[in-house]
Amino acid sequence: MRKNVAKAKPFNFDYDPKKTALVIIDMQRDFCAPGGFGEALGNDITPTKSIIPTVRKVLDAARAKGIPVIHTREGHKPDLSDLEPAKLRRSSSIGKKGPMGRILVRGEYGHDIVDELQPIKGELVIDKPGKGAFYETSLQKHLKKHGIESLIVCGVTTHVCVHTTIREANDRGYECLMLEDGTAAFDPRDQEAAIRMVNQQGGIFGWTTTSDEFLKSLK
């Protein structure tokens, strides 16, 4: 029986906290700190860095309520054996040396999650070679094992890894609530479009709301 309701678009999102997980997408230094992959692509990281306090607030609330937390990190093995040539062709900085180590490579300082959002014991960390959190990972198996039906999604970037994960989750039967102010894109136009694409047509991919509305629903 679902007990909690969050005011959302296109209509209220109801969920059972015992069957819900918080998924924090790619809040890594490579996307949220100077010298990382985000800047290597020529982006201003101000938007991705600015959501850290909001995500932390949601993270603290989820932990306090006993909601499982899942963190994801995009990156590749040191030998780049899981890096598709087509991806490298479009993102040639992957694997190259940067201020925080090799860019988007597992084990490097830049690949890890920002200090403010570091996982604690018991929280799952999904290392993914692609944009979606289900591709070549154990996420689906983990969610099924723990009876998860709903996902609260935040992180970066909204129109790429967040969107891909929500679309993957949607196809697998999960109901997703994306936090509008807990996600960010480098370009505000992409952010606006990504939000609209989730909740349009009756919630074709899921629901969107603010962090405040979600936190209200927890209480």
N, C-alpha and C. Protein backbone atom coordinates (compact mmCIF):
# COMPACT_ATOMS: atom_id res chain seq x y z
N MET A 1 0.83 -1.19 0.00
CA MET A 1 0.00 0.00 0.00
C MET A 1 0.87 1.25 0.00
N ARG A 2 0.61 2.18 -0.90
CA ARG A 2 1.42 3.38 -1.00
C ARG A 2 0.92 4.42 0.01
N LYS A 3 1.86 5.04 0.70
CA LYS A 3 1.51 5.92 1.80
C LYS A 3 1.94 7.37 1.59
N ASN A 4 2.92 7.59 0.77
CA ASN A 4 3.46 8.95 0.62
C ASN A 4 3.08 9.53 -0.74
N VAL A 5 2.81 10.83 -0.73
CA VAL A 5 2.41 11.50 -1.97
C VAL A 5 3.20 12.81 -2.11
N ALA A 6 3.82 12.99 -3.26
CA ALA A 6 4.55 14.22 -3.55
C ALA A 6 3.83 14.98 -4.66
N LYS A 7 3.64 16.26 -4.45
CA LYS A 7 3.07 17.10 -5.50
C LYS A 7 4.06 17.16 -6.65
N ALA A 8 3.62 16.82 -7.84
CA ALA A 8 4.54 16.68 -8.97
C ALA A 8 3.83 16.97 -10.29
N LYS A 9 4.58 16.97 -11.37
CA LYS A 9 4.05 17.07 -12.72
C LYS A 9 4.24 15.71 -13.40
N PRO A 10 3.24 15.24 -14.18
CA PRO A 10 1.99 15.91 -14.54
C PRO A 10 0.87 15.72 -13.52
N PHE A 11 1.08 14.83 -12.54
CA PHE A 11 0.12 14.68 -11.44
C PHE A 11 0.88 14.11 -10.25
N ASN A 12 0.23 14.04 -9.11
CA ASN A 12 0.91 13.64 -7.88
C ASN A 12 1.59 12.28 -8.00
N PHE A 13 2.74 12.18 -7.39
CA PHE A 13 3.54 10.95 -7.39
C PHE A 13 3.36 10.26 -6.04
N ASP A 14 2.76 9.08 -6.04
CA ASP A 14 2.61 8.35 -4.79
C ASP A 14 3.55 7.16 -4.76
N TYR A 15 4.08 6.89 -3.59
CA TYR A 15 5.11 5.86 -3.47
C TYR A 15 5.15 5.28 -2.06
N ASP A 16 5.69 4.09 -1.97
CA ASP A 16 5.91 3.42 -0.69
C ASP A 16 7.40 3.56 -0.38
N PRO A 17 7.78 4.30 0.66
CA PRO A 17 9.20 4.48 0.98
C PRO A 17 9.97 3.16 1.14
N LYS A 18 9.26 2.10 1.56
CA LYS A 18 9.92 0.81 1.74
C LYS A 18 10.25 0.14 0.42
N LYS A 19 9.65 0.65 -0.66
CA LYS A 19 9.92 0.08 -1.99
C LYS A 19 10.50 1.13 -2.93
N THR A 20 11.17 2.10 -2.31
CA THR A 20 11.72 3.24 -3.06
C THR A 20 13.21 3.37 -2.81
N ALA A 21 13.95 3.77 -3.83
CA ALA A 21 15.39 4.03 -3.69
C ALA A 21 15.72 5.40 -4.25
N LEU A 22 16.70 6.04 -3.64
CA LEU A 22 17.24 7.30 -4.15
C LEU A 22 18.43 6.96 -5.03
N VAL A 23 18.39 7.43 -6.27
CA VAL A 23 19.48 7.18 -7.22
C VAL A 23 20.16 8.51 -7.53
N ILE A 24 21.42 8.62 -7.17
CA ILE A 24 22.19 9.84 -7.40
C ILE A 24 23.15 9.59 -8.56
N ILE A 25 22.89 10.26 -9.66
CA ILE A 25 23.61 9.99 -10.90
C ILE A 25 24.87 10.86 -11.04
N ASP A 26 26.01 10.21 -11.08
CA ASP A 26 27.28 10.80 -11.55
C ASP A 26 27.69 12.13 -10.93
N MET A 27 27.49 12.27 -9.63
CA MET A 27 27.96 13.49 -8.97
C MET A 27 29.46 13.37 -8.69
N GLN A 28 30.20 13.27 -9.76
CA GLN A 28 31.64 13.04 -9.73
C GLN A 28 32.41 14.34 -9.93
N ARG A 29 33.65 14.34 -9.48
CA ARG A 29 34.50 15.51 -9.69
C ARG A 29 34.70 15.78 -11.18
N ASP A 30 34.69 14.73 -11.98
CA ASP A 30 34.88 14.92 -13.42
C ASP A 30 33.76 15.75 -14.04
N PHE A 31 32.60 15.80 -13.39
CA PHE A 31 31.49 16.59 -13.91
C PHE A 31 31.21 17.85 -13.09
N CYS A 32 31.70 17.88 -11.85
CA CYS A 32 31.31 18.96 -10.94
C CYS A 32 32.48 19.76 -10.39
N ALA A 33 33.68 19.51 -10.88
CA ALA A 33 34.86 20.22 -10.37
C ALA A 33 35.72 20.70 -11.53
N PRO A 34 36.48 21.76 -11.33
CA PRO A 34 37.36 22.28 -12.39
C PRO A 34 38.38 21.24 -12.84
N GLY A 35 38.60 21.19 -14.14
CA GLY A 35 39.61 20.30 -14.68
C GLY A 35 39.14 18.92 -15.05
N GLY A 36 37.84 18.67 -14.88
CA GLY A 36 37.30 17.35 -15.18
C GLY A 36 36.77 17.22 -16.59
N PHE A 37 36.05 16.13 -16.82
CA PHE A 37 35.52 15.82 -18.14
C PHE A 37 34.56 16.89 -18.64
N GLY A 38 33.73 17.40 -17.71
CA GLY A 38 32.77 18.44 -18.11
C GLY A 38 33.45 19.64 -18.71
N GLU A 39 34.50 20.13 -18.04
CA GLU A 39 35.23 21.28 -18.57
C GLU A 39 36.02 20.92 -19.82
N ALA A 40 36.50 19.67 -19.89
CA ALA A 40 37.26 19.25 -21.06
C ALA A 40 36.40 19.30 -22.32
N LEU A 41 35.08 19.18 -22.13
CA LEU A 41 34.17 19.26 -23.27
C LEU A 41 33.82 20.71 -23.62
N GLY A 42 34.37 21.66 -22.83
CA GLY A 42 34.14 23.07 -23.09
C GLY A 42 32.95 23.66 -22.36
N ASN A 43 32.53 23.00 -21.28
CA ASN A 43 31.35 23.45 -20.56
C ASN A 43 31.69 24.28 -19.32
N ASP A 44 30.73 25.09 -18.91
CA ASP A 44 30.80 25.80 -17.64
C ASP A 44 30.18 24.88 -16.59
N ILE A 45 30.95 24.48 -15.58
CA ILE A 45 30.46 23.51 -14.60
C ILE A 45 29.65 24.15 -13.47
N THR A 46 29.44 25.45 -13.53
CA THR A 46 28.69 26.13 -12.46
C THR A 46 27.34 25.47 -12.17
N PRO A 47 26.53 25.12 -13.18
CA PRO A 47 25.24 24.49 -12.89
C PRO A 47 25.36 23.14 -12.17
N THR A 48 26.32 22.32 -12.58
CA THR A 48 26.43 21.00 -11.96
C THR A 48 26.98 21.09 -10.54
N LYS A 49 27.87 22.02 -10.33
CA LYS A 49 28.43 22.21 -8.99
C LYS A 49 27.40 22.80 -8.03
N SER A 50 26.53 23.65 -8.55
CA SER A 50 25.59 24.38 -7.70
C SER A 50 24.52 23.51 -7.07
N ILE A 51 24.25 22.33 -7.62
CA ILE A 51 23.19 21.49 -7.05
C ILE A 51 23.68 20.61 -5.90
N ILE A 52 24.98 20.63 -5.62
CA ILE A 52 25.52 19.75 -4.58
C ILE A 52 24.79 19.93 -3.24
N PRO A 53 24.56 21.17 -2.74
CA PRO A 53 23.85 21.31 -1.47
C PRO A 53 22.43 20.74 -1.50
N THR A 54 21.74 20.89 -2.62
CA THR A 54 20.39 20.35 -2.74
C THR A 54 20.40 18.83 -2.70
N VAL A 55 21.31 18.24 -3.45
CA VAL A 55 21.42 16.79 -3.44
C VAL A 55 21.79 16.28 -2.05
N ARG A 56 22.65 17.01 -1.36
CA ARG A 56 23.04 16.60 -0.01
C ARG A 56 21.84 16.63 0.94
N LYS A 57 20.99 17.61 0.79
CA LYS A 57 19.80 17.73 1.63
C LYS A 57 18.88 16.52 1.42
N VAL A 58 18.71 16.15 0.17
CA VAL A 58 17.86 15.00 -0.15
C VAL A 58 18.53 13.71 0.34
N LEU A 59 19.82 13.61 0.16
CA LEU A 59 20.57 12.44 0.61
C LEU A 59 20.44 12.26 2.13
N ASP A 60 20.60 13.33 2.86
CA ASP A 60 20.47 13.25 4.32
C ASP A 60 19.08 12.79 4.74
N ALA A 61 18.07 13.30 4.05
CA ALA A 61 16.69 12.93 4.37
C ALA A 61 16.42 11.46 4.07
N ALA A 62 16.94 10.99 2.94
CA ALA A 62 16.75 9.58 2.58
C ALA A 62 17.42 8.67 3.60
N ARG A 63 18.62 9.02 3.99
CA ARG A 63 19.33 8.23 4.99
C ARG A 63 18.55 8.20 6.31
N ALA A 64 18.02 9.33 6.70
CA ALA A 64 17.29 9.42 7.97
C ALA A 64 16.02 8.56 7.94
N LYS A 65 15.42 8.42 6.78
CA LYS A 65 14.18 7.65 6.64
C LYS A 65 14.43 6.19 6.28
N GLY A 66 15.70 5.83 6.11
CA GLY A 66 16.02 4.44 5.78
C GLY A 66 15.76 4.07 4.34
N ILE A 67 15.66 5.06 3.46
CA ILE A 67 15.48 4.80 2.03
C ILE A 67 16.83 4.40 1.43
N PRO A 68 16.91 3.28 0.74
CA PRO A 68 18.18 2.88 0.14
C PRO A 68 18.73 3.92 -0.82
N VAL A 69 20.04 4.09 -0.81
CA VAL A 69 20.70 5.08 -1.66
C VAL A 69 21.64 4.36 -2.63
N ILE A 70 21.56 4.74 -3.89
CA ILE A 70 22.42 4.18 -4.92
C ILE A 70 23.14 5.33 -5.61
N HIS A 71 24.46 5.22 -5.68
CA HIS A 71 25.28 6.22 -6.36
C HIS A 71 25.80 5.61 -7.67
N THR A 72 25.87 6.41 -8.72
CA THR A 72 26.47 5.92 -9.96
C THR A 72 27.67 6.78 -10.35
N ARG A 73 28.59 6.15 -11.05
CA ARG A 73 29.76 6.85 -11.58
C ARG A 73 30.00 6.38 -13.00
N GLU A 74 30.08 7.33 -13.92
CA GLU A 74 30.44 6.96 -15.29
C GLU A 74 31.96 6.96 -15.40
N GLY A 75 32.49 5.92 -16.01
CA GLY A 75 33.94 5.85 -16.18
C GLY A 75 34.35 4.51 -16.75
N HIS A 76 35.62 4.41 -17.06
CA HIS A 76 36.11 3.24 -17.77
C HIS A 76 37.29 2.58 -17.05
N LYS A 77 37.48 1.33 -17.38
CA LYS A 77 38.62 0.59 -16.82
C LYS A 77 39.92 1.27 -17.23
N PRO A 78 40.97 1.15 -16.43
CA PRO A 78 42.24 1.81 -16.76
C PRO A 78 42.79 1.47 -18.14
N ASP A 79 42.51 0.24 -18.62
CA ASP A 79 43.02 -0.12 -19.95
C ASP A 79 42.05 0.29 -21.06
N LEU A 80 40.93 0.91 -20.67
CA LEU A 80 39.92 1.41 -21.61
C LEU A 80 39.29 0.31 -22.46
N SER A 81 39.36 -0.92 -21.96
CA SER A 81 38.82 -2.04 -22.73
C SER A 81 37.29 -2.00 -22.84
N ASP A 82 36.64 -1.24 -21.97
CA ASP A 82 35.19 -1.12 -22.04
C ASP A 82 34.74 0.20 -22.68
N LEU A 83 35.66 0.86 -23.32
CA LEU A 83 35.36 2.12 -24.01
C LEU A 83 35.15 1.86 -25.49
N GLU A 84 33.92 2.06 -25.95
CA GLU A 84 33.62 1.84 -27.35
C GLU A 84 34.32 2.89 -28.22
N PRO A 85 34.89 2.46 -29.34
CA PRO A 85 35.59 3.41 -30.24
C PRO A 85 34.71 4.59 -30.65
N ALA A 86 33.42 4.35 -30.84
CA ALA A 86 32.52 5.43 -31.25
C ALA A 86 32.41 6.49 -30.16
N LYS A 87 32.43 6.07 -28.90
CA LYS A 87 32.36 7.02 -27.80
C LYS A 87 33.66 7.82 -27.71
N LEU A 88 34.78 7.14 -27.86
CA LEU A 88 36.07 7.81 -27.82
C LEU A 88 36.22 8.81 -28.95
N ARG A 89 35.67 8.47 -30.09
CA ARG A 89 35.74 9.37 -31.25
C ARG A 89 35.06 10.71 -30.95
N ARG A 90 33.95 10.65 -30.21
CA ARG A 90 33.20 11.87 -29.90
C ARG A 90 33.68 12.55 -28.61
N SER A 91 34.42 11.80 -27.79
CA SER A 91 34.91 12.33 -26.51
C SER A 91 36.38 11.94 -26.35
N SER A 92 37.21 12.57 -27.14
CA SER A 92 38.61 12.16 -27.24
C SER A 92 39.43 12.43 -25.98
N SER A 93 38.89 13.21 -25.03
CA SER A 93 39.63 13.50 -23.81
C SER A 93 39.60 12.34 -22.81
N ILE A 94 38.72 11.36 -23.01
CA ILE A 94 38.63 10.23 -22.09
C ILE A 94 39.96 9.48 -22.06
N GLY A 95 40.46 9.26 -20.86
CA GLY A 95 41.71 8.52 -20.69
C GLY A 95 42.95 9.40 -20.67
N LYS A 96 42.81 10.66 -21.08
CA LYS A 96 43.95 11.56 -21.10
C LYS A 96 44.20 12.13 -19.71
N LYS A 97 45.41 12.55 -19.46
CA LYS A 97 45.79 13.10 -18.17
C LYS A 97 45.19 14.48 -17.97
N GLY A 98 44.58 14.68 -16.79
CA GLY A 98 44.01 15.96 -16.44
C GLY A 98 44.46 16.36 -15.05
N PRO A 99 43.99 17.49 -14.54
CA PRO A 99 44.38 17.96 -13.21
C PRO A 99 44.02 16.99 -12.09
N MET A 100 43.02 16.12 -12.32
CA MET A 100 42.59 15.17 -11.29
C MET A 100 42.85 13.73 -11.70
N GLY A 101 43.86 13.55 -12.56
CA GLY A 101 44.18 12.21 -13.04
C GLY A 101 43.60 11.98 -14.42
N ARG A 102 43.66 10.76 -14.87
CA ARG A 102 43.13 10.44 -16.20
C ARG A 102 41.62 10.66 -16.21
N ILE A 103 41.16 11.32 -17.23
CA ILE A 103 39.76 11.73 -17.29
C ILE A 103 38.82 10.55 -17.53
N LEU A 104 37.81 10.48 -16.68
CA LEU A 104 36.76 9.47 -16.74
C LEU A 104 37.31 8.04 -16.68
N VAL A 105 38.30 7.86 -15.86
CA VAL A 105 38.91 6.53 -15.67
C VAL A 105 38.74 6.11 -14.21
N ARG A 106 38.26 4.92 -14.00
CA ARG A 106 38.00 4.41 -12.67
C ARG A 106 39.27 4.37 -11.82
N GLY A 107 39.12 4.76 -10.58
CA GLY A 107 40.25 4.76 -9.66
C GLY A 107 40.96 6.10 -9.59
N GLU A 108 40.70 6.99 -10.55
CA GLU A 108 41.32 8.31 -10.55
C GLU A 108 40.54 9.25 -9.63
N TYR A 109 41.19 10.26 -9.13
CA TYR A 109 40.57 11.21 -8.21
C TYR A 109 39.36 11.89 -8.84
N GLY A 110 39.46 12.25 -10.10
CA GLY A 110 38.37 12.93 -10.78
C GLY A 110 37.15 12.05 -11.01
N HIS A 111 37.37 10.76 -11.09
CA HIS A 111 36.27 9.82 -11.33
C HIS A 111 35.38 9.66 -10.12
N ASP A 112 35.91 9.92 -8.94
CA ASP A 112 35.16 9.66 -7.71
C ASP A 112 34.11 10.74 -7.44
N ILE A 113 33.21 10.41 -6.55
CA ILE A 113 32.11 11.30 -6.16
C ILE A 113 32.66 12.45 -5.32
N VAL A 114 32.04 13.63 -5.47
CA VAL A 114 32.49 14.82 -4.74
C VAL A 114 32.43 14.56 -3.23
N ASP A 115 33.28 15.26 -2.49
CA ASP A 115 33.41 15.03 -1.05
C ASP A 115 32.08 15.15 -0.31
N GLU A 116 31.27 16.12 -0.69
CA GLU A 116 30.02 16.39 0.03
C GLU A 116 29.00 15.26 -0.07
N LEU A 117 29.15 14.39 -1.07
CA LEU A 117 28.15 13.36 -1.34
C LEU A 117 28.72 11.95 -1.29
N GLN A 118 29.85 11.81 -0.63
CA GLN A 118 30.50 10.50 -0.57
C GLN A 118 29.57 9.42 0.01
N PRO A 119 29.54 8.24 -0.58
CA PRO A 119 28.73 7.13 -0.07
C PRO A 119 29.18 6.72 1.33
N ILE A 120 28.26 6.18 2.10
CA ILE A 120 28.60 5.60 3.40
C ILE A 120 28.43 4.09 3.31
N LYS A 121 28.87 3.41 4.33
CA LYS A 121 28.80 1.95 4.36
C LYS A 121 27.37 1.47 4.12
N GLY A 122 27.24 0.52 3.23
CA GLY A 122 25.94 -0.04 2.92
C GLY A 122 25.27 0.54 1.70
N GLU A 123 25.78 1.66 1.18
CA GLU A 123 25.20 2.27 -0.01
C GLU A 123 25.87 1.73 -1.27
N LEU A 124 25.06 1.33 -2.21
CA LEU A 124 25.57 0.74 -3.45
C LEU A 124 26.18 1.80 -4.36
N VAL A 125 27.33 1.49 -4.93
CA VAL A 125 27.97 2.35 -5.93
C VAL A 125 28.02 1.57 -7.24
N ILE A 126 27.39 2.09 -8.26
CA ILE A 126 27.35 1.45 -9.57
C ILE A 126 28.34 2.15 -10.49
N ASP A 127 29.35 1.41 -10.93
CA ASP A 127 30.28 1.94 -11.92
C ASP A 127 29.80 1.50 -13.30
N LYS A 128 29.55 2.48 -14.15
CA LYS A 128 28.96 2.20 -15.45
C LYS A 128 29.84 2.73 -16.59
N PRO A 129 29.98 1.97 -17.66
CA PRO A 129 30.78 2.43 -18.79
C PRO A 129 30.00 3.30 -19.76
N GLY A 130 28.68 3.34 -19.60
CA GLY A 130 27.85 4.11 -20.51
C GLY A 130 27.09 5.20 -19.80
N LYS A 131 26.14 5.76 -20.48
CA LYS A 131 25.36 6.86 -19.91
C LYS A 131 24.24 6.36 -19.00
N GLY A 132 23.64 5.25 -19.34
CA GLY A 132 22.58 4.70 -18.53
C GLY A 132 23.11 3.83 -17.40
N ALA A 133 22.42 3.85 -16.26
CA ALA A 133 22.88 3.10 -15.09
C ALA A 133 22.56 1.61 -15.17
N PHE A 134 21.75 1.21 -16.14
CA PHE A 134 21.41 -0.21 -16.28
C PHE A 134 22.35 -0.93 -17.25
N TYR A 135 23.01 -0.19 -18.11
CA TYR A 135 23.85 -0.79 -19.14
C TYR A 135 25.12 -1.38 -18.55
N GLU A 136 25.29 -2.69 -18.73
CA GLU A 136 26.49 -3.40 -18.28
C GLU A 136 26.75 -3.23 -16.78
N THR A 137 25.67 -3.21 -15.98
CA THR A 137 25.82 -3.09 -14.52
C THR A 137 24.90 -4.08 -13.81
N SER A 138 25.00 -4.11 -12.48
CA SER A 138 24.18 -5.01 -11.66
C SER A 138 22.95 -4.30 -11.10
N LEU A 139 22.63 -3.12 -11.58
CA LEU A 139 21.56 -2.33 -10.98
C LEU A 139 20.22 -3.04 -11.00
N GLN A 140 19.83 -3.59 -12.14
CA GLN A 140 18.54 -4.27 -12.24
C GLN A 140 18.44 -5.42 -11.23
N LYS A 141 19.47 -6.19 -11.13
CA LYS A 141 19.50 -7.31 -10.18
C LYS A 141 19.35 -6.82 -8.76
N HIS A 142 20.01 -5.74 -8.42
CA HIS A 142 19.95 -5.18 -7.07
C HIS A 142 18.55 -4.67 -6.74
N LEU A 143 17.94 -3.96 -7.66
CA LEU A 143 16.61 -3.42 -7.42
C LEU A 143 15.58 -4.53 -7.24
N LYS A 144 15.66 -5.55 -8.05
CA LYS A 144 14.74 -6.67 -7.93
C LYS A 144 14.93 -7.40 -6.60
N LYS A 145 16.15 -7.59 -6.20
CA LYS A 145 16.46 -8.28 -4.96
C LYS A 145 15.84 -7.59 -3.76
N HIS A 146 15.81 -6.27 -3.80
CA HIS A 146 15.31 -5.49 -2.66
C HIS A 146 13.88 -5.01 -2.84
N GLY A 147 13.20 -5.49 -3.87
CA GLY A 147 11.79 -5.17 -4.06
C GLY A 147 11.51 -3.71 -4.35
N ILE A 148 12.43 -3.04 -5.02
CA ILE A 148 12.26 -1.62 -5.33
C ILE A 148 11.31 -1.44 -6.52
N GLU A 149 10.38 -0.50 -6.36
CA GLU A 149 9.42 -0.20 -7.43
C GLU A 149 9.51 1.24 -7.91
N SER A 150 9.96 2.14 -7.02
CA SER A 150 10.01 3.57 -7.36
C SER A 150 11.42 4.11 -7.18
N LEU A 151 11.80 5.03 -8.06
CA LEU A 151 13.13 5.64 -7.99
C LEU A 151 13.01 7.15 -7.90
N ILE A 152 13.70 7.73 -6.93
CA ILE A 152 13.84 9.18 -6.85
C ILE A 152 15.19 9.48 -7.47
N VAL A 153 15.21 10.27 -8.53
CA VAL A 153 16.43 10.43 -9.32
C VAL A 153 16.92 11.88 -9.29
N CYS A 154 18.21 12.03 -9.01
CA CYS A 154 18.85 13.34 -9.09
C CYS A 154 20.26 13.14 -9.62
N GLY A 155 20.98 14.25 -9.88
CA GLY A 155 22.35 14.14 -10.38
C GLY A 155 22.56 14.86 -11.69
N VAL A 156 23.61 14.44 -12.40
CA VAL A 156 24.01 15.11 -13.64
C VAL A 156 24.40 14.09 -14.72
N THR A 157 24.39 14.55 -15.97
CA THR A 157 23.68 15.73 -16.41
C THR A 157 22.26 15.32 -16.80
N THR A 158 21.32 16.24 -16.63
CA THR A 158 19.92 15.90 -16.76
C THR A 158 19.57 15.30 -18.10
N HIS A 159 20.05 15.91 -19.17
CA HIS A 159 19.66 15.49 -20.51
C HIS A 159 20.45 14.30 -21.03
N VAL A 160 21.48 13.88 -20.29
CA VAL A 160 22.30 12.77 -20.77
C VAL A 160 22.15 11.56 -19.84
N CYS A 161 22.96 11.48 -18.80
CA CYS A 161 22.96 10.28 -17.96
C CYS A 161 21.71 10.14 -17.11
N VAL A 162 21.17 11.26 -16.61
CA VAL A 162 19.93 11.18 -15.83
C VAL A 162 18.79 10.72 -16.73
N HIS A 163 18.65 11.34 -17.89
CA HIS A 163 17.57 10.99 -18.81
C HIS A 163 17.69 9.55 -19.29
N THR A 164 18.90 9.15 -19.64
CA THR A 164 19.09 7.79 -20.14
C THR A 164 18.69 6.77 -19.08
N THR A 165 19.07 7.02 -17.84
CA THR A 165 18.74 6.10 -16.76
C THR A 165 17.23 6.05 -16.52
N ILE A 166 16.57 7.20 -16.54
CA ILE A 166 15.12 7.22 -16.35
C ILE A 166 14.42 6.48 -17.48
N ARG A 167 14.87 6.66 -18.69
CA ARG A 167 14.26 5.95 -19.81
C ARG A 167 14.47 4.45 -19.69
N GLU A 168 15.67 4.04 -19.29
CA GLU A 168 15.93 2.62 -19.08
C GLU A 168 15.04 2.06 -17.97
N ALA A 169 14.90 2.82 -16.89
CA ALA A 169 14.08 2.39 -15.76
C ALA A 169 12.61 2.28 -16.17
N ASN A 170 12.15 3.25 -16.94
CA ASN A 170 10.78 3.26 -17.42
C ASN A 170 10.46 1.99 -18.20
N ASP A 171 11.36 1.58 -19.07
CA ASP A 171 11.15 0.37 -19.86
C ASP A 171 11.16 -0.89 -19.01
N ARG A 172 11.76 -0.80 -17.84
CA ARG A 172 11.84 -1.96 -16.94
C ARG A 172 10.75 -1.95 -15.88
N GLY A 173 9.83 -0.99 -15.97
CA GLY A 173 8.68 -0.99 -15.09
C GLY A 173 8.80 -0.18 -13.82
N TYR A 174 9.87 0.58 -13.68
CA TYR A 174 10.04 1.41 -12.48
C TYR A 174 9.39 2.78 -12.69
N GLU A 175 8.82 3.32 -11.61
CA GLU A 175 8.24 4.65 -11.65
C GLU A 175 9.27 5.63 -11.11
N CYS A 176 9.58 6.65 -11.89
CA CYS A 176 10.67 7.56 -11.56
C CYS A 176 10.17 8.97 -11.29
N LEU A 177 10.69 9.55 -10.22
CA LEU A 177 10.44 10.95 -9.89
C LEU A 177 11.77 11.68 -9.99
N MET A 178 11.88 12.59 -10.94
CA MET A 178 13.12 13.35 -11.13
C MET A 178 13.01 14.68 -10.39
N LEU A 179 14.04 15.02 -9.62
CA LEU A 179 14.05 16.28 -8.87
C LEU A 179 14.62 17.37 -9.76
N GLU A 180 13.79 18.34 -10.10
CA GLU A 180 14.17 19.37 -11.06
C GLU A 180 15.36 20.20 -10.57
N ASP A 181 15.36 20.57 -9.30
CA ASP A 181 16.47 21.37 -8.76
C ASP A 181 17.58 20.51 -8.18
N GLY A 182 17.42 19.20 -8.28
CA GLY A 182 18.47 18.27 -7.84
C GLY A 182 19.16 17.65 -9.04
N THR A 183 18.88 18.19 -10.21
CA THR A 183 19.54 17.78 -11.45
C THR A 183 20.08 19.02 -12.14
N ALA A 184 21.01 18.84 -13.05
CA ALA A 184 21.58 19.99 -13.75
C ALA A 184 22.16 19.58 -15.10
N ALA A 185 22.08 20.51 -16.03
CA ALA A 185 22.73 20.38 -17.33
C ALA A 185 23.65 21.58 -17.48
N PHE A 186 24.63 21.48 -18.33
CA PHE A 186 25.55 22.60 -18.53
C PHE A 186 24.87 23.78 -19.20
N ASP A 187 23.88 23.48 -20.03
CA ASP A 187 23.14 24.52 -20.76
C ASP A 187 21.71 24.56 -20.21
N PRO A 188 21.23 25.70 -19.74
CA PRO A 188 19.87 25.78 -19.18
C PRO A 188 18.79 25.38 -20.17
N ARG A 189 19.06 25.53 -21.45
CA ARG A 189 18.07 25.12 -22.45
C ARG A 189 17.90 23.60 -22.44
N ASP A 190 18.99 22.89 -22.23
CA ASP A 190 18.92 21.43 -22.14
C ASP A 190 18.18 21.00 -20.88
N GLN A 191 18.42 21.73 -19.79
CA GLN A 191 17.74 21.43 -18.54
C GLN A 191 16.22 21.57 -18.69
N GLU A 192 15.81 22.68 -19.26
CA GLU A 192 14.38 22.93 -19.44
C GLU A 192 13.74 21.86 -20.32
N ALA A 193 14.40 21.54 -21.42
CA ALA A 193 13.85 20.54 -22.34
C ALA A 193 13.80 19.16 -21.71
N ALA A 194 14.83 18.82 -20.94
CA ALA A 194 14.89 17.50 -20.31
C ALA A 194 13.77 17.31 -19.30
N ILE A 195 13.49 18.35 -18.53
CA ILE A 195 12.39 18.28 -17.56
C ILE A 195 11.06 18.05 -18.28
N ARG A 196 10.85 18.83 -19.33
CA ARG A 196 9.60 18.73 -20.08
C ARG A 196 9.43 17.35 -20.72
N MET A 197 10.52 16.80 -21.22
CA MET A 197 10.42 15.50 -21.89
C MET A 197 10.08 14.36 -20.93
N VAL A 198 10.40 14.51 -19.66
CA VAL A 198 10.05 13.47 -18.69
C VAL A 198 8.56 13.49 -18.39
N ASN A 199 8.01 14.68 -18.09
CA ASN A 199 6.64 14.74 -17.58
C ASN A 199 5.56 15.00 -18.63
N GLN A 200 5.95 15.17 -19.90
CA GLN A 200 4.96 15.46 -20.93
C GLN A 200 4.10 14.23 -21.22
N GLN A 201 3.00 14.45 -21.93
CA GLN A 201 2.12 13.37 -22.39
C GLN A 201 1.70 12.44 -21.25
N GLY A 202 1.31 13.05 -20.14
CA GLY A 202 0.84 12.25 -19.02
C GLY A 202 1.94 11.56 -18.24
N GLY A 203 3.16 12.05 -18.38
CA GLY A 203 4.28 11.43 -17.68
C GLY A 203 4.85 10.27 -18.47
N ILE A 204 5.21 10.53 -19.72
CA ILE A 204 5.64 9.46 -20.61
C ILE A 204 6.86 8.70 -20.09
N PHE A 205 7.75 9.40 -19.37
CA PHE A 205 8.90 8.73 -18.77
C PHE A 205 8.86 8.76 -17.24
N GLY A 206 8.02 9.62 -16.68
CA GLY A 206 7.94 9.69 -15.23
C GLY A 206 7.37 11.02 -14.75
N TRP A 207 7.76 11.39 -13.55
CA TRP A 207 7.29 12.61 -12.91
C TRP A 207 8.46 13.53 -12.60
N THR A 208 8.19 14.82 -12.44
CA THR A 208 9.21 15.76 -11.98
C THR A 208 8.63 16.62 -10.86
N THR A 209 9.49 17.02 -9.94
CA THR A 209 9.09 17.89 -8.86
C THR A 209 10.32 18.57 -8.29
N THR A 210 10.12 19.40 -7.28
CA THR A 210 11.25 20.05 -6.62
C THR A 210 11.69 19.23 -5.41
N SER A 211 12.88 19.51 -4.95
CA SER A 211 13.37 18.80 -3.77
C SER A 211 12.50 19.12 -2.56
N ASP A 212 12.03 20.35 -2.45
CA ASP A 212 11.18 20.73 -1.32
C ASP A 212 9.89 19.91 -1.29
N GLU A 213 9.28 19.73 -2.44
CA GLU A 213 8.04 18.95 -2.50
C GLU A 213 8.30 17.50 -2.13
N PHE A 214 9.41 16.96 -2.59
CA PHE A 214 9.73 15.58 -2.23
C PHE A 214 9.98 15.45 -0.73
N LEU A 215 10.73 16.40 -0.17
CA LEU A 215 11.01 16.34 1.27
C LEU A 215 9.74 16.50 2.09
N LYS A 216 8.80 17.31 1.63
CA LYS A 216 7.51 17.43 2.30
C LYS A 216 6.79 16.08 2.34
N SER A 217 6.88 15.36 1.23
CA SER A 217 6.19 14.08 1.16
C SER A 217 6.79 13.04 2.10
N LEU A 218 8.05 13.19 2.41
CA LEU A 218 8.70 12.25 3.36
C LEU A 218 8.18 12.45 4.77
N LYS A 219 7.77 13.68 5.07
CA LYS A 219 7.32 13.98 6.42
C LYS A 219 5.88 13.53 6.67
